[in-house]
């Protein structure tokens, strides 16, 4: 997981600034990575998930009804927001969303607004792995520690507390 050029707020057009319009800038998604956890607890980066086009999502027709995917397998999309800190990179936000995919029938379940909201929360420096099973959390923790040990060490107690809950259970 590499950091982009840093977390920036990119200004919109100059006229918007002059008119003092609401919402005149956009967040730079270079600071955000999408990490997937598959049913076998393999963890990998797939930047296509930023646009709901990860490798596992391609060719799948999604339904908001979980019952429509009786043979689905659980996947988790984890949004990781990075930013530069005084000692180096920091994991500034981390949230996750669940989805179920049945590759054979090419059907899946996810609630797209939940995925978008989780992405937004990660960008806003929030931490939440609500509902993620312990074995998935353990796999994610190992991935984060191995992929960028410096970012893990530089990150605050709020991030590490997400994984301590798993170790106690």
C-alpha atoms as a PDB file:
ATOM      1  CA  UNK A   1       0.000   0.000   0.000  1.00  0.00           C
ATOM      2  CA  UNK A   2       1.678   3.192  -1.105  1.00  0.00           C
ATOM      3  CA  UNK A   3       0.673   6.691  -0.285  1.00  0.00           C
ATOM      4  CA  UNK A   4      -0.156   9.097  -3.027  1.00  0.00           C
ATOM      5  CA  UNK A   5       1.299  12.563  -2.912  1.00  0.00           C
ATOM      6  CA  UNK A   6      -0.518  13.148   0.363  1.00  0.00           C
ATOM      7  CA  UNK A   7      -3.968  14.002   1.526  1.00  0.00           C
ATOM      8  CA  UNK A   8      -5.024  17.156  -0.250  1.00  0.00           C
ATOM      9  CA  UNK A   9      -8.146  19.094  -0.688  1.00  0.00           C
ATOM     10  CA  UNK A  10      -8.125  20.119  -4.318  1.00  0.00           C
ATOM     11  CA  UNK A  11      -9.794  23.461  -4.951  1.00  0.00           C
ATOM     12  CA  UNK A  12     -12.615  23.664  -7.450  1.00  0.00           C
ATOM     13  CA  UNK A  13     -12.668  26.368 -10.095  1.00  0.00           C
ATOM     14  CA  UNK A  14     -11.625  29.846  -9.034  1.00  0.00           C
ATOM     15  CA  UNK A  15     -15.038  31.384  -9.732  1.00  0.00           C
ATOM     16  CA  UNK A  16     -16.581  29.137  -7.118  1.00  0.00           C
ATOM     17  CA  UNK A  17     -14.049  30.433  -4.587  1.00  0.00           C
ATOM     18  CA  UNK A  18     -14.765  34.033  -5.470  1.00  0.00           C
ATOM     19  CA  UNK A  19     -18.521  33.525  -5.082  1.00  0.00           C
ATOM     20  CA  UNK A  20     -18.017  31.682  -1.764  1.00  0.00           C
ATOM     21  CA  UNK A  21     -20.161  28.787  -2.930  1.00  0.00           C
ATOM     22  CA  UNK A  22     -20.757  25.772  -0.727  1.00  0.00           C
ATOM     23  CA  UNK A  23     -18.866  22.580  -1.620  1.00  0.00           C
ATOM     24  CA  UNK A  24     -16.320  24.240  -3.830  1.00  0.00           C
ATOM     25  CA  UNK A  25     -13.523  21.696  -3.345  1.00  0.00           C
ATOM     26  CA  UNK A  26     -13.166  17.963  -3.729  1.00  0.00           C
ATOM     27  CA  UNK A  27     -11.277  15.391  -1.708  1.00  0.00           C
ATOM     28  CA  UNK A  28      -8.259  13.796  -3.342  1.00  0.00           C
ATOM     29  CA  UNK A  29      -8.803  10.045  -3.570  1.00  0.00           C
ATOM     30  CA  UNK A  30      -5.048   9.463  -3.969  1.00  0.00           C
ATOM     31  CA  UNK A  31      -4.954   9.073  -0.188  1.00  0.00           C
ATOM     32  CA  UNK A  32      -7.507   6.229  -0.242  1.00  0.00           C
ATOM     33  CA  UNK A  33      -6.889   2.550  -0.968  1.00  0.00           C
ATOM     34  CA  UNK A  34      -9.387  -0.265  -1.257  1.00  0.00           C
ATOM     35  CA  UNK A  35      -8.391  -3.577   0.261  1.00  0.00           C
ATOM     36  CA  UNK A  36     -10.452  -6.739  -0.237  1.00  0.00           C
ATOM     37  CA  UNK A  37     -10.712  -9.758   2.036  1.00  0.00           C
ATOM     38  CA  UNK A  38     -11.974 -12.873   0.286  1.00  0.00           C
ATOM     39  CA  UNK A  39     -13.821 -15.876   1.800  1.00  0.00           C
ATOM     40  CA  UNK A  40     -10.471 -17.640   2.373  1.00  0.00           C
ATOM     41  CA  UNK A  41      -9.161 -14.619   4.349  1.00  0.00           C
ATOM     42  CA  UNK A  42      -6.726 -13.602   1.611  1.00  0.00           C
ATOM     43  CA  UNK A  43      -6.182  -9.857   1.764  1.00  0.00           C
ATOM     44  CA  UNK A  44      -5.210  -7.842  -1.320  1.00  0.00           C
ATOM     45  CA  UNK A  45      -5.375  -4.343  -2.754  1.00  0.00           C
ATOM     46  CA  UNK A  46      -7.829  -3.814  -5.616  1.00  0.00           C
ATOM     47  CA  UNK A  47      -8.188  -0.165  -6.522  1.00  0.00           C
ATOM     48  CA  UNK A  48     -11.116  -0.997  -8.827  1.00  0.00           C
ATOM     49  CA  UNK A  49     -13.330  -1.164  -5.745  1.00  0.00           C
ATOM     50  CA  UNK A  50     -13.193   2.642  -5.568  1.00  0.00           C
ATOM     51  CA  UNK A  51     -15.598   2.605  -8.517  1.00  0.00           C
ATOM     52  CA  UNK A  52     -17.371  -0.682  -7.633  1.00  0.00           C
ATOM     53  CA  UNK A  53     -15.332  -2.413 -10.347  1.00  0.00           C
ATOM     54  CA  UNK A  54     -12.983  -4.647  -8.407  1.00  0.00           C
ATOM     55  CA  UNK A  55     -11.968  -7.937  -9.952  1.00  0.00           C
ATOM     56  CA  UNK A  56     -14.440  -9.848  -7.776  1.00  0.00           C
ATOM     57  CA  UNK A  57     -17.315  -7.443  -8.601  1.00  0.00           C
ATOM     58  CA  UNK A  58     -16.924  -7.558 -12.384  1.00  0.00           C
ATOM     59  CA  UNK A  59     -19.643  -9.466 -14.167  1.00  0.00           C
ATOM     60  CA  UNK A  60     -21.790  -9.692 -11.020  1.00  0.00           C
ATOM     61  CA  UNK A  61     -25.366  -8.439 -10.912  1.00  0.00           C
ATOM     62  CA  UNK A  62     -25.922  -7.014  -7.449  1.00  0.00           C
ATOM     63  CA  UNK A  63     -29.191  -7.002  -5.568  1.00  0.00           C
ATOM     64  CA  UNK A  64     -30.079  -5.151  -2.359  1.00  0.00           C
ATOM     65  CA  UNK A  65     -31.813  -8.359  -1.197  1.00  0.00           C
ATOM     66  CA  UNK A  66     -29.457 -10.759   0.581  1.00  0.00           C
ATOM     67  CA  UNK A  67     -31.916 -13.629   0.018  1.00  0.00           C
ATOM     68  CA  UNK A  68     -31.260 -13.340  -3.732  1.00  0.00           C
ATOM     69  CA  UNK A  69     -27.766 -14.798  -3.165  1.00  0.00           C
ATOM     70  CA  UNK A  70     -28.315 -18.000  -1.149  1.00  0.00           C
ATOM     71  CA  UNK A  71     -24.973 -19.531  -2.201  1.00  0.00           C
ATOM     72  CA  UNK A  72     -22.946 -16.340  -1.877  1.00  0.00           C
ATOM     73  CA  UNK A  73     -19.620 -16.126  -0.125  1.00  0.00           C
ATOM     74  CA  UNK A  74     -18.594 -13.181   2.074  1.00  0.00           C
ATOM     75  CA  UNK A  75     -16.148 -10.565   0.837  1.00  0.00           C
ATOM     76  CA  UNK A  76     -15.172  -7.417   2.698  1.00  0.00           C
ATOM     77  CA  UNK A  77     -14.064  -4.118   1.182  1.00  0.00           C
ATOM     78  CA  UNK A  78     -11.848  -2.155   3.541  1.00  0.00           C
ATOM     79  CA  UNK A  79     -11.239   1.525   2.908  1.00  0.00           C
ATOM     80  CA  UNK A  80      -7.813   2.668   4.095  1.00  0.00           C
ATOM     81  CA  UNK A  81      -7.086   6.402   4.213  1.00  0.00           C
ATOM     82  CA  UNK A  82      -3.447   7.398   4.550  1.00  0.00           C
ATOM     83  CA  UNK A  83      -1.831  10.736   5.284  1.00  0.00           C
ATOM     84  CA  UNK A  84       1.660  11.953   5.989  1.00  0.00           C
ATOM     85  CA  UNK A  85       2.551  12.371   9.647  1.00  0.00           C
ATOM     86  CA  UNK A  86       5.597  13.847  11.384  1.00  0.00           C
ATOM     87  CA  UNK A  87       7.317  10.421  11.543  1.00  0.00           C
ATOM     88  CA  UNK A  88       6.097   9.188   8.119  1.00  0.00           C
ATOM     89  CA  UNK A  89       2.845   7.736   6.755  1.00  0.00           C
ATOM     90  CA  UNK A  90      -0.139   7.215   9.062  1.00  0.00           C
ATOM     91  CA  UNK A  91      -3.319   5.184   8.643  1.00  0.00           C
ATOM     92  CA  UNK A  92      -5.743   8.051   9.190  1.00  0.00           C
ATOM     93  CA  UNK A  93      -9.055   6.256   8.575  1.00  0.00           C
ATOM     94  CA  UNK A  94     -10.218   2.657   8.214  1.00  0.00           C
ATOM     95  CA  UNK A  95     -13.736   1.385   7.552  1.00  0.00           C
ATOM     96  CA  UNK A  96     -15.214  -1.755   6.023  1.00  0.00           C
ATOM     97  CA  UNK A  97     -18.258  -2.901   4.079  1.00  0.00           C
ATOM     98  CA  UNK A  98     -19.573  -6.400   3.513  1.00  0.00           C
ATOM     99  CA  UNK A  99     -20.769  -7.984   0.280  1.00  0.00           C
ATOM    100  CA  UNK A 100     -21.733 -11.514  -0.741  1.00  0.00           C
ATOM    101  CA  UNK A 101     -20.891 -12.943  -4.165  1.00  0.00           C
ATOM    102  CA  UNK A 102     -21.916 -16.160  -5.911  1.00  0.00           C
ATOM    103  CA  UNK A 103     -19.494 -16.472  -8.839  1.00  0.00           C
ATOM    104  CA  UNK A 104     -21.352 -19.400 -10.440  1.00  0.00           C
ATOM    105  CA  UNK A 105     -24.711 -17.648 -10.716  1.00  0.00           C
ATOM    106  CA  UNK A 106     -23.014 -14.238 -11.226  1.00  0.00           C
ATOM    107  CA  UNK A 107     -25.178 -12.736  -8.483  1.00  0.00           C
ATOM    108  CA  UNK A 108     -24.195 -10.675  -5.508  1.00  0.00           C
ATOM    109  CA  UNK A 109     -25.505  -8.698  -2.564  1.00  0.00           C
ATOM    110  CA  UNK A 110     -24.268  -5.383  -1.301  1.00  0.00           C
ATOM    111  CA  UNK A 111     -25.781  -2.150  -0.169  1.00  0.00           C
ATOM    112  CA  UNK A 112     -24.053   0.427  -2.338  1.00  0.00           C
ATOM    113  CA  UNK A 113     -24.898   3.431  -0.121  1.00  0.00           C
ATOM    114  CA  UNK A 114     -23.200   1.640   2.799  1.00  0.00           C
ATOM    115  CA  UNK A 115     -20.053   1.201   0.708  1.00  0.00           C
ATOM    116  CA  UNK A 116     -20.066   4.879  -0.305  1.00  0.00           C
ATOM    117  CA  UNK A 117     -20.697   6.020   3.268  1.00  0.00           C
ATOM    118  CA  UNK A 118     -17.886   3.809   4.582  1.00  0.00           C
ATOM    119  CA  UNK A 119     -15.520   5.258   1.989  1.00  0.00           C
ATOM    120  CA  UNK A 120     -16.538   8.762   3.034  1.00  0.00           C
ATOM    121  CA  UNK A 121     -16.015   7.976   6.717  1.00  0.00           C
ATOM    122  CA  UNK A 122     -12.510   6.624   6.065  1.00  0.00           C
ATOM    123  CA  UNK A 123     -11.647   9.856   4.243  1.00  0.00           C
ATOM    124  CA  UNK A 124     -12.988  11.766   7.247  1.00  0.00           C
ATOM    125  CA  UNK A 125     -10.578   9.899   9.551  1.00  0.00           C
ATOM    126  CA  UNK A 126     -13.082   7.536  11.135  1.00  0.00           C
ATOM    127  CA  UNK A 127     -12.400   3.959  12.228  1.00  0.00           C
ATOM    128  CA  UNK A 128     -15.065   1.251  12.084  1.00  0.00           C
ATOM    129  CA  UNK A 129     -14.964  -2.470  11.348  1.00  0.00           C
ATOM    130  CA  UNK A 130     -18.472  -3.131  12.645  1.00  0.00           C
ATOM    131  CA  UNK A 131     -19.674  -6.654  11.926  1.00  0.00           C
ATOM    132  CA  UNK A 132     -16.349  -7.958  10.603  1.00  0.00           C
ATOM    133  CA  UNK A 133     -15.608 -11.460  11.931  1.00  0.00           C
ATOM    134  CA  UNK A 134     -12.522 -11.979  14.104  1.00  0.00           C
ATOM    135  CA  UNK A 135     -10.656 -14.081  11.518  1.00  0.00           C
ATOM    136  CA  UNK A 136     -11.088 -11.343   8.887  1.00  0.00           C
ATOM    137  CA  UNK A 137      -9.848  -8.700  11.346  1.00  0.00           C
ATOM    138  CA  UNK A 138      -6.801 -10.809  12.154  1.00  0.00           C
ATOM    139  CA  UNK A 139      -6.007 -11.228   8.452  1.00  0.00           C
ATOM    140  CA  UNK A 140      -6.431  -7.486   7.872  1.00  0.00           C
ATOM    141  CA  UNK A 141      -4.191  -6.614  10.828  1.00  0.00           C
ATOM    142  CA  UNK A 142      -1.434  -8.914   9.539  1.00  0.00           C
ATOM    143  CA  UNK A 143      -1.769  -7.401   6.061  1.00  0.00           C
ATOM    144  CA  UNK A 144      -1.517  -3.818   7.339  1.00  0.00           C
ATOM    145  CA  UNK A 145       1.477  -4.630   9.538  1.00  0.00           C
ATOM    146  CA  UNK A 146       3.331  -6.473   6.754  1.00  0.00           C
ATOM    147  CA  UNK A 147       2.495  -4.101   3.900  1.00  0.00           C
ATOM    148  CA  UNK A 148       3.539  -0.877   5.583  1.00  0.00           C
ATOM    149  CA  UNK A 149       5.062  -1.460   9.035  1.00  0.00           C
ATOM    150  CA  UNK A 150       5.996   2.208   9.401  1.00  0.00           C
ATOM    151  CA  UNK A 151       2.397   3.347   8.824  1.00  0.00           C
ATOM    152  CA  UNK A 152       1.162   0.777  11.354  1.00  0.00           C
ATOM    153  CA  UNK A 153       3.654   1.953  13.984  1.00  0.00           C
ATOM    154  CA  UNK A 154       2.902   5.631  13.344  1.00  0.00           C
ATOM    155  CA  UNK A 155      -0.864   5.163  13.582  1.00  0.00           C
ATOM    156  CA  UNK A 156      -2.783   6.036  16.700  1.00  0.00           C
ATOM    157  CA  UNK A 157      -4.447   3.989  19.379  1.00  0.00           C
ATOM    158  CA  UNK A 158      -7.875   4.305  17.761  1.00  0.00           C
ATOM    159  CA  UNK A 159      -6.751   2.079  14.866  1.00  0.00           C
ATOM    160  CA  UNK A 160      -5.033  -0.467  17.089  1.00  0.00           C
ATOM    161  CA  UNK A 161      -8.049  -0.652  19.411  1.00  0.00           C
ATOM    162  CA  UNK A 162     -10.099  -2.073  16.512  1.00  0.00           C
ATOM    163  CA  UNK A 163      -7.845  -5.108  16.476  1.00  0.00           C
ATOM    164  CA  UNK A 164      -7.365  -5.469  20.247  1.00  0.00           C
ATOM    165  CA  UNK A 165     -11.093  -6.186  20.524  1.00  0.00           C
ATOM    166  CA  UNK A 166     -10.531  -9.170  18.233  1.00  0.00           C
ATOM    167  CA  UNK A 167      -7.626 -10.506  20.283  1.00  0.00           C
ATOM    168  CA  UNK A 168      -9.680 -10.410  23.510  1.00  0.00           C
ATOM    169  CA  UNK A 169     -12.527 -12.470  22.029  1.00  0.00           C
END
